[in-house]
Structures are given as C-alpha cells and as structure tokens.
C-alpha cells in the first residue's frame, strides 16, 4: 500500500512544525520563534493509528519575504505534486482550488480530531497489483536480480521486495538468481516458468537465454504499470528512435542517492542513448539529470523524459510529472521501457493489464 502523503502549509510561525512534531511524537522539524526556521520541505515516514503508513511533509512559510523567500515558496508548492491531503494553517487563497482534499486547521484543535478529519478526507488507497493478469496461483516465476555495486549491502531493493511479497500473496513459486545463474535456474525447472522478471539492465543477457515463448518483463515495467500511464510510457519509448545528435534528454530520478560507476540512470542509460543516437552520425546527445524534488518546471528544452521506476515515490507524483511532460509536448517513458527499446526487445516484453 502506498503511503498517504500529508503536507502542511501556512505562514511563518503559524505552528506547522509544532503540529508535525506532535503528530510524529518526535522532533522532525526544528521549532523556534524566528520566522523562516523551516526553509525546505521536511519529510517524515510514520505509521498513524487509523491512517496507516503516512509521510508527513512540513513546508516553509508561504509568506516568507526573505531574499530566498520566492525559492522557498516554489519548493513548498511543488510538494502539492506528491501530496494526497493538504493541512492548511491560515487563510491563504492559494489552497482554495486544489485537486486534493484541503483541511483547515485551527490552533487548539485536538490531534485526535485532526487525525479523524484526515482519515475521513483521505482518498481510498487500493492495493494495486504489480503483475496484473500475467500470473495465477501456483505459477513459477524466476526473478533475475543483479547484485552489482549499486545494490544495497545486506538487503534487496524495494521493487524486488514488493514483487516477492506479491508473488507470495498470490500463491506463486519464486526462484531467485543473478544473471550468471539464470541458465542453471532454468535447467532445474521441469517446465518453463510462467514469467521471468529481471532488472531492466540485464534485459539483453536474460533475453538471450530464454525461449521466445517464455514471457519476460522487468521490475521497472511492473512499477510503470502500477503507478503511471503505461500507454503514455510506451509511446514515449518509441520516441527514442526519433532522437538526433544535438537533442537533449532529461533523466529524472524520484529519489536521491550517491551514484556509482555502475549507476543505471547516470551511467548506463546515457551511454546506451548516445550509442543508439550518435553512432555513425557524429555529434553528441545532451543528457541532464534531475534527482529527488528537482524536477524542472520548464521541460521545453527536452525531446524526451526518462523517469526512474519510482519505487520510493507515490503514483500521484509520477502522474503529476507525466502531465507536466505532456503539457509541454515532451514524450515521457521510464527506465524499464527505455532499456527494452534501447536493447531492441521492447516488443518482446510482457506488459500486465492492471485493473484501476
């Protein structure tokens, strides 16, 4: 289940940070009588009785008139792209016509009352399947999970955990391996697997070992179906073949991390793009990177946006960024579909149908 994102807005020193700290039961945001103490959005993942998994987002005062006030307001309002509910302290007209529920909070209201109002206004969070119609109970699924230098030590990345949990819930049998162990894993099976799910960067290696009748997809593609508009992403992947030397591409990451030499978004995809677009033609392809909340307001310089799998982002953020790209007339796709296209197997991959 996706976390409910609850954002708090109001003028400076209106009590936003105190309210967030009270809900969290700990000091999430610094509180002081000095206006402008909160300068950037502050996020805290938390479980709240009656609400379940949530993210509380504290923001800077929208009346900040300091030299950096305009930039702080921009960052605060950008939070609306990911927020499911806005809790507003004060009477600003900025929050009168949002496409999400707005709760006006008055000083002195009890926390229990506020939680109850948030629960009543919260949009229904249905559990979306990742594998859709691709599997049934009893199916055997092979998961190919490279453990390179980008893989976290001692744990699996979130998409792998989410898919594994869904397979268990659906009564499927999961066989996990690294790319180097795929052939041995296949040899152990009495019949071909119902589905092979791989990390997108291993598409080509996995595809060469699989019989053509064996369905193949990736963790990133499953996330694209569950969180975004898969048809828009498929059309965006087709735009890769229309790129020319001199064009610019934006690679957008929803999270922030320190990149390594094997980074998929900052190293592998740019290298494949430049090889695909510029080989034999000369010139270069411009590739810009945005991370976390630094998604550009102006997308007009780009001929394509390639978004990450958004494993740590909610579907609301993915769809908001998709709408921004479409309004700018810029195709958008995601890592898994882009890598499938760049490796010539886009028509080969299995795309689940996921009921809405």
Protein backbone atom coordinates (compact mmCIF):
# COMPACT_ATOMS: atom_id res chain seq x y z
CA UNK A 1 0.00 0.00 0.00
CA UNK A 2 1.33 3.45 -0.90
CA UNK A 3 1.92 5.83 1.98
CA UNK A 4 -0.58 8.66 2.44
CA UNK A 5 1.33 11.91 1.86
CA UNK A 6 0.06 14.69 4.18
CA UNK A 7 1.52 18.16 3.55
CA UNK A 8 1.31 21.07 5.98
CA UNK A 9 1.11 24.63 4.69
CA UNK A 10 0.78 28.00 6.38
CA UNK A 11 2.50 31.32 7.06
CA UNK A 12 5.71 31.51 9.01
CA UNK A 13 5.37 30.78 12.74
CA UNK A 14 1.81 29.50 12.33
CA UNK A 15 2.61 26.23 14.10
CA UNK A 16 3.19 23.86 11.16
CA UNK A 17 6.39 22.37 12.54
CA UNK A 18 4.96 22.03 16.04
CA UNK A 19 1.94 20.21 14.59
CA UNK A 20 4.12 17.85 12.55
CA UNK A 21 6.30 17.11 15.58
CA UNK A 22 3.22 16.41 17.70
CA UNK A 23 1.80 14.00 15.13
CA UNK A 24 5.17 12.26 14.77
CA UNK A 25 5.82 12.14 18.51
CA UNK A 26 9.36 13.36 17.94
CA UNK A 27 11.32 16.38 16.75
CA UNK A 28 11.03 16.10 12.98
CA UNK A 29 11.30 19.83 12.30
CA UNK A 30 13.18 22.47 14.25
CA UNK A 31 10.83 24.84 16.11
CA UNK A 32 11.78 28.39 17.08
CA UNK A 33 10.14 31.84 17.29
CA UNK A 34 12.42 33.05 14.48
CA UNK A 35 10.44 33.41 11.21
CA UNK A 36 11.71 31.23 8.39
CA UNK A 37 13.16 28.47 10.61
CA UNK A 38 11.81 25.84 8.20
CA UNK A 39 13.50 26.60 4.88
CA UNK A 40 12.92 23.43 2.83
CA UNK A 41 10.28 20.68 2.83
CA UNK A 42 10.96 18.16 5.62
CA UNK A 43 9.57 14.62 5.26
CA UNK A 44 8.92 12.00 7.90
CA UNK A 45 7.66 8.48 7.19
CA UNK A 46 5.40 7.30 10.01
CA UNK A 47 2.56 4.95 10.96
CA UNK A 48 -0.52 6.72 12.38
CA UNK A 49 -3.34 4.72 14.01
CA UNK A 50 -6.41 4.98 11.83
CA UNK A 51 -4.38 6.19 8.84
CA UNK A 52 -1.69 3.53 8.41
CA UNK A 53 1.59 4.31 6.61
CA UNK A 54 1.98 8.05 6.02
CA UNK A 55 4.52 10.67 5.08
CA UNK A 56 4.28 14.00 6.91
CA UNK A 57 5.68 16.93 4.93
CA UNK A 58 6.49 20.19 6.69
CA UNK A 59 6.96 23.22 4.43
CA UNK A 60 8.37 26.73 4.64
CA UNK A 61 6.01 29.62 5.39
CA UNK A 62 4.27 30.76 2.22
CA UNK A 63 4.64 34.40 3.33
CA UNK A 64 8.44 34.21 3.53
CA UNK A 65 9.74 37.60 2.35
CA UNK A 66 13.43 36.87 2.87
CA UNK A 67 15.87 37.08 -0.08
CA UNK A 68 15.28 33.35 -0.63
CA UNK A 69 11.54 33.51 0.02
CA UNK A 70 10.46 33.03 -3.60
CA UNK A 71 12.59 29.91 -3.95
CA UNK A 72 11.28 28.52 -0.66
CA UNK A 73 7.67 29.10 -1.76
CA UNK A 74 8.39 27.34 -5.04
CA UNK A 75 9.76 24.28 -3.23
CA UNK A 76 6.83 24.28 -0.83
CA UNK A 77 4.19 24.46 -3.57
CA UNK A 78 6.00 21.75 -5.54
CA UNK A 79 5.06 19.42 -2.67
CA UNK A 80 1.49 19.54 -4.00
CA UNK A 81 2.58 17.20 -6.80
CA UNK A 82 3.03 14.39 -4.28
CA UNK A 83 0.58 15.33 -1.53
CA UNK A 84 -2.67 13.40 -1.09
CA UNK A 85 -4.01 15.82 1.52
CA UNK A 86 -3.13 19.42 2.41
CA UNK A 87 -3.47 20.59 6.01
CA UNK A 88 -3.54 24.39 5.90
CA UNK A 89 -2.97 26.77 8.79
CA UNK A 90 -4.17 30.26 7.86
CA UNK A 91 -6.49 31.68 5.21
CA UNK A 92 -4.34 31.88 2.09
CA UNK A 93 -6.33 31.73 -1.19
CA UNK A 94 -3.50 29.59 -2.62
CA UNK A 95 -5.28 26.47 -1.38
CA UNK A 96 -8.87 27.13 -2.43
CA UNK A 97 -8.98 25.18 -5.68
CA UNK A 98 -6.68 22.19 -5.34
CA UNK A 99 -7.39 18.75 -6.77
CA UNK A 100 -6.75 17.16 -3.36
CA UNK A 101 -8.66 17.44 -0.07
CA UNK A 102 -7.80 20.54 1.98
CA UNK A 103 -8.21 20.52 5.76
CA UNK A 104 -8.21 23.86 7.55
CA UNK A 105 -6.59 23.50 10.94
CA UNK A 106 -7.22 25.95 13.76
CA UNK A 107 -4.95 26.35 16.75
CA UNK A 108 -6.27 24.42 19.71
CA UNK A 109 -7.86 21.57 17.76
CA UNK A 110 -7.02 18.22 19.30
CA UNK A 111 -4.73 15.82 17.49
CA UNK A 112 -7.35 13.08 17.66
CA UNK A 113 -9.86 15.34 15.92
CA UNK A 114 -7.34 16.25 13.21
CA UNK A 115 -6.46 12.59 12.56
CA UNK A 116 -10.15 11.76 12.29
CA UNK A 117 -10.71 14.55 9.76
CA UNK A 118 -7.70 13.44 7.72
CA UNK A 119 -8.96 9.85 7.75
CA UNK A 120 -12.40 10.97 6.58
CA UNK A 121 -10.96 13.06 3.73
CA UNK A 122 -8.22 10.65 2.63
CA UNK A 123 -8.63 9.17 -0.85
CA UNK A 124 -9.11 5.43 -0.93
CA UNK A 125 -5.78 3.66 -1.26
CA UNK A 126 -6.46 0.49 -3.15
CA UNK A 127 -3.82 -2.20 -3.31
CA UNK A 128 -2.73 -2.25 -6.95
CA UNK A 129 -1.33 -5.44 -8.33
CA UNK A 130 2.14 -5.31 -9.84
CA UNK A 131 1.81 -8.41 -12.00
CA UNK A 132 -1.82 -7.97 -13.04
CA UNK A 133 -3.07 -10.65 -15.39
CA UNK A 134 0.36 -12.18 -16.03
CA UNK A 135 0.14 -14.80 -13.28
CA UNK A 136 -2.18 -17.17 -11.47
CA UNK A 137 -1.92 -19.20 -8.29
CA UNK A 138 0.67 -21.97 -8.49
CA UNK A 139 2.73 -20.38 -11.27
CA UNK A 140 6.52 -20.50 -11.07
CA UNK A 141 8.30 -17.17 -11.57
CA UNK A 142 12.03 -16.60 -11.99
CA UNK A 143 13.39 -13.34 -10.59
CA UNK A 144 16.73 -12.20 -12.01
CA UNK A 145 18.32 -9.75 -9.59
CA UNK A 146 21.85 -8.45 -10.33
CA UNK A 147 23.80 -7.63 -7.17
CA UNK A 148 26.29 -5.14 -8.56
CA UNK A 149 27.96 -2.21 -6.80
CA UNK A 150 24.69 -0.25 -6.93
CA UNK A 151 22.82 -2.93 -4.97
CA UNK A 152 22.43 -2.09 -1.26
CA UNK A 153 24.51 -4.17 1.11
CA UNK A 154 22.60 -6.74 3.10
CA UNK A 155 19.17 -6.11 1.61
CA UNK A 156 17.14 -6.12 -1.59
CA UNK A 157 15.92 -3.03 -3.39
CA UNK A 158 12.31 -2.09 -2.79
CA UNK A 159 10.85 -3.24 -6.15
CA UNK A 160 12.30 -6.73 -5.63
CA UNK A 161 10.81 -6.89 -2.14
CA UNK A 162 7.42 -5.69 -3.37
CA UNK A 163 7.28 -8.20 -6.21
CA UNK A 164 8.40 -11.06 -3.97
CA UNK A 165 5.69 -10.21 -1.45
CA UNK A 166 3.02 -10.10 -4.17
CA UNK A 167 4.13 -13.47 -5.54
CA UNK A 168 3.80 -14.99 -2.08
CA UNK A 169 0.37 -13.42 -1.61
CA UNK A 170 -0.77 -14.78 -4.98
CA UNK A 171 0.40 -18.29 -4.16
CA UNK A 172 3.16 -18.30 -6.78
CA UNK A 173 6.54 -20.01 -6.51
CA UNK A 174 9.52 -17.66 -6.79
CA UNK A 175 13.00 -18.75 -7.86
CA UNK A 176 15.63 -16.01 -7.42
CA UNK A 177 19.01 -15.80 -9.10
CA UNK A 178 21.60 -13.46 -10.52
CA UNK A 179 22.05 -13.20 -14.31
CA UNK A 180 25.04 -15.55 -14.16
CA UNK A 181 22.89 -18.19 -12.50
CA UNK A 182 19.87 -17.93 -14.78
CA UNK A 183 20.71 -20.88 -17.03
CA UNK A 184 21.27 -23.15 -14.04
CA UNK A 185 17.97 -21.97 -12.54
CA UNK A 186 16.11 -22.72 -15.77
CA UNK A 187 17.73 -26.14 -16.01
CA UNK A 188 16.38 -27.05 -12.56
CA UNK A 189 12.77 -26.45 -13.62
CA UNK A 190 10.71 -29.28 -15.05
CA UNK A 191 8.80 -26.86 -17.26
CA UNK A 192 9.35 -23.31 -18.41
CA UNK A 193 8.43 -20.58 -15.92
CA UNK A 194 5.17 -18.70 -16.29
CA UNK A 195 7.13 -15.44 -16.19
CA UNK A 196 10.69 -14.15 -15.85
CA UNK A 197 11.12 -10.77 -14.14
CA UNK A 198 14.52 -9.15 -14.43
CA UNK A 199 16.27 -5.97 -13.51
CA UNK A 200 15.97 -3.88 -16.67
CA UNK A 201 19.73 -3.50 -17.08
CA UNK A 202 20.03 -7.28 -17.59
CA UNK A 203 17.36 -7.45 -20.32
CA UNK A 204 19.69 -8.41 -23.16
CA UNK A 205 21.56 -11.07 -21.19
CA UNK A 206 18.35 -12.63 -19.91
CA UNK A 207 16.61 -12.49 -23.28
CA UNK A 208 19.36 -14.47 -24.99
CA UNK A 209 18.88 -17.37 -22.55
CA UNK A 210 15.09 -17.57 -22.68
CA UNK A 211 12.98 -19.43 -25.22
CA UNK A 212 10.85 -17.00 -27.20
CA UNK A 213 7.64 -18.41 -25.76
CA UNK A 214 8.72 -17.56 -22.20
CA UNK A 215 7.22 -14.20 -21.08
CA UNK A 216 9.76 -11.63 -19.95
CA UNK A 217 9.34 -8.32 -18.14
CA UNK A 218 11.18 -6.15 -15.60
CA UNK A 219 10.62 -4.74 -12.14
CA UNK A 220 10.63 -1.20 -13.55
CA UNK A 221 7.97 -2.03 -16.15
CA UNK A 222 5.74 -3.55 -13.48
CA UNK A 223 6.07 -0.35 -11.44
CA UNK A 224 5.30 1.74 -14.53
CA UNK A 225 2.04 -0.14 -14.99
CA UNK A 226 1.04 0.13 -11.35
CA UNK A 227 1.96 3.78 -10.78
CA UNK A 228 1.86 5.51 -14.13
CA UNK A 229 0.18 5.65 -17.53
CA UNK A 230 1.73 2.68 -19.31
CA UNK A 231 0.37 3.65 -22.73
CA UNK A 232 1.97 7.09 -22.47
CA UNK A 233 5.24 5.46 -21.37
CA UNK A 234 5.13 3.02 -24.29
CA UNK A 235 4.63 5.89 -26.73
CA UNK A 236 7.48 7.74 -25.04
CA UNK A 237 9.80 4.77 -25.51
CA UNK A 238 9.04 4.93 -29.22
CA UNK A 239 10.42 8.48 -29.28
CA UNK A 240 13.92 7.13 -28.65
CA UNK A 241 14.24 6.25 -32.32
CA UNK A 242 13.40 9.85 -33.29
CA UNK A 243 16.21 11.39 -31.25
CA UNK A 244 19.00 13.12 -33.15
CA UNK A 245 22.50 14.29 -32.18
CA UNK A 246 22.18 17.66 -30.51
CA UNK A 247 18.88 16.82 -28.78
CA UNK A 248 18.56 16.91 -25.00
CA UNK A 249 17.11 14.19 -22.79
CA UNK A 250 16.12 14.51 -19.15
CA UNK A 251 16.67 11.53 -16.86
CA UNK A 252 14.52 12.05 -13.77
CA UNK A 253 15.05 10.20 -10.51
CA UNK A 254 12.41 10.31 -7.77
CA UNK A 255 14.93 9.56 -5.03
CA UNK A 256 18.39 10.84 -4.19
CA UNK A 257 21.46 8.65 -3.88
CA UNK A 258 25.20 8.83 -4.35
CA UNK A 259 25.87 7.44 -7.85
CA UNK A 260 28.43 4.74 -8.52
CA UNK A 261 30.31 3.70 -11.63
CA UNK A 262 27.50 1.24 -12.49
CA UNK A 263 24.64 3.67 -11.88
CA UNK A 264 21.78 2.78 -14.20
CA UNK A 265 20.37 6.28 -14.64
CA UNK A 266 23.56 8.33 -14.71
CA UNK A 267 25.93 5.96 -16.45
CA UNK A 268 24.31 3.03 -18.26
CA UNK A 269 21.25 4.67 -19.83
CA UNK A 270 23.16 7.77 -21.05
CA UNK A 271 25.83 5.52 -22.61
CA UNK A 272 23.21 3.40 -24.40
CA UNK A 273 21.35 6.50 -25.57
CA UNK A 274 24.46 8.10 -27.03
CA UNK A 275 25.44 4.87 -28.76
CA UNK A 276 21.94 4.47 -30.19
CA UNK A 277 21.53 8.08 -31.33
CA UNK A 278 25.03 9.21 -32.28
CA UNK A 279 26.81 6.10 -33.55
CA UNK A 280 27.88 6.72 -37.14
CA UNK A 281 26.41 10.22 -37.13
CA UNK A 282 28.86 12.19 -35.01
CA UNK A 283 27.82 14.87 -32.59
CA UNK A 284 26.55 14.26 -29.08
CA UNK A 285 23.34 13.88 -27.15
CA UNK A 286 22.71 16.19 -24.21
CA UNK A 287 21.68 14.30 -21.08
CA UNK A 288 20.58 16.15 -17.94
CA UNK A 289 19.86 14.51 -14.58
CA UNK A 290 17.28 15.61 -12.02
CA UNK A 291 17.07 13.92 -8.62
CA UNK A 292 14.54 13.93 -5.83
CA UNK A 293 12.36 17.03 -5.98
CA UNK A 294 14.49 18.83 -8.56
CA UNK A 295 12.16 18.08 -11.47
CA UNK A 296 12.43 21.08 -13.86
CA UNK A 297 9.50 23.43 -14.24
CA UNK A 298 10.45 24.10 -17.87
CA UNK A 299 10.63 20.92 -19.95
CA UNK A 300 10.63 22.65 -23.33
CA UNK A 301 14.39 22.13 -23.95
CA UNK A 302 13.95 18.34 -23.92
CA UNK A 303 12.95 15.89 -26.63
CA UNK A 304 12.36 13.07 -24.13
CA UNK A 305 11.99 12.48 -20.38
CA UNK A 306 13.05 9.10 -18.99
CA UNK A 307 11.75 8.63 -15.45
CA UNK A 308 13.03 6.10 -12.94
CA UNK A 309 10.85 3.25 -11.72
CA UNK A 310 9.68 5.47 -8.84
CA UNK A 311 9.94 2.68 -6.28
CA UNK A 312 10.00 5.21 -3.41
CA UNK A 313 7.55 7.69 -4.98
CA UNK A 314 3.78 7.59 -4.98
CA UNK A 315 1.65 7.26 -8.08
CA UNK A 316 0.40 10.83 -7.62
CA UNK A 317 3.92 12.20 -8.14
CA UNK A 318 4.52 10.00 -11.20
CA UNK A 319 1.26 11.12 -12.80
CA UNK A 320 1.86 14.77 -11.98
CA UNK A 321 5.23 14.63 -13.75
CA UNK A 322 3.66 12.78 -16.66
CA UNK A 323 1.04 15.53 -17.04
CA UNK A 324 3.74 18.21 -16.98
CA UNK A 325 5.64 16.45 -19.76
CA UNK A 326 2.52 16.02 -21.88
CA UNK A 327 1.52 19.67 -21.41
CA UNK A 328 4.98 20.63 -22.63
CA UNK A 329 4.64 18.32 -25.64
CA UNK A 330 7.56 16.18 -24.47
CA UNK A 331 7.34 12.34 -24.63
CA UNK A 332 7.95 10.56 -21.32
CA UNK A 333 8.86 6.95 -20.58
CA UNK A 334 10.54 5.06 -17.75
CA UNK A 335 13.79 3.19 -17.20
CA UNK A 336 12.48 -0.29 -17.94
CA UNK A 337 10.75 0.57 -21.20
CA UNK A 338 13.66 2.75 -22.34
CA UNK A 339 16.16 -0.04 -21.70
CA UNK A 340 13.96 -2.55 -23.52
CA UNK A 341 13.77 -0.20 -26.51
CA UNK A 342 17.50 0.52 -26.48
CA UNK A 343 18.25 -3.21 -26.43
CA UNK A 344 15.81 -3.99 -29.22
CA UNK A 345 13.36 -6.11 -27.24
CA UNK A 346 10.52 -3.68 -26.47
CA UNK A 347 8.02 -5.76 -28.47
CA UNK A 348 9.19 -8.84 -26.61
CA UNK A 349 8.39 -7.71 -23.05
CA UNK A 350 5.20 -8.67 -21.26
CA UNK A 351 3.00 -5.77 -20.16
CA UNK A 352 0.45 -6.60 -17.44
CA UNK A 353 -3.13 -5.37 -17.53
CA UNK A 354 -3.86 -3.88 -14.13
CA UNK A 355 -7.47 -3.02 -13.24
CA UNK A 356 -7.99 0.52 -11.96
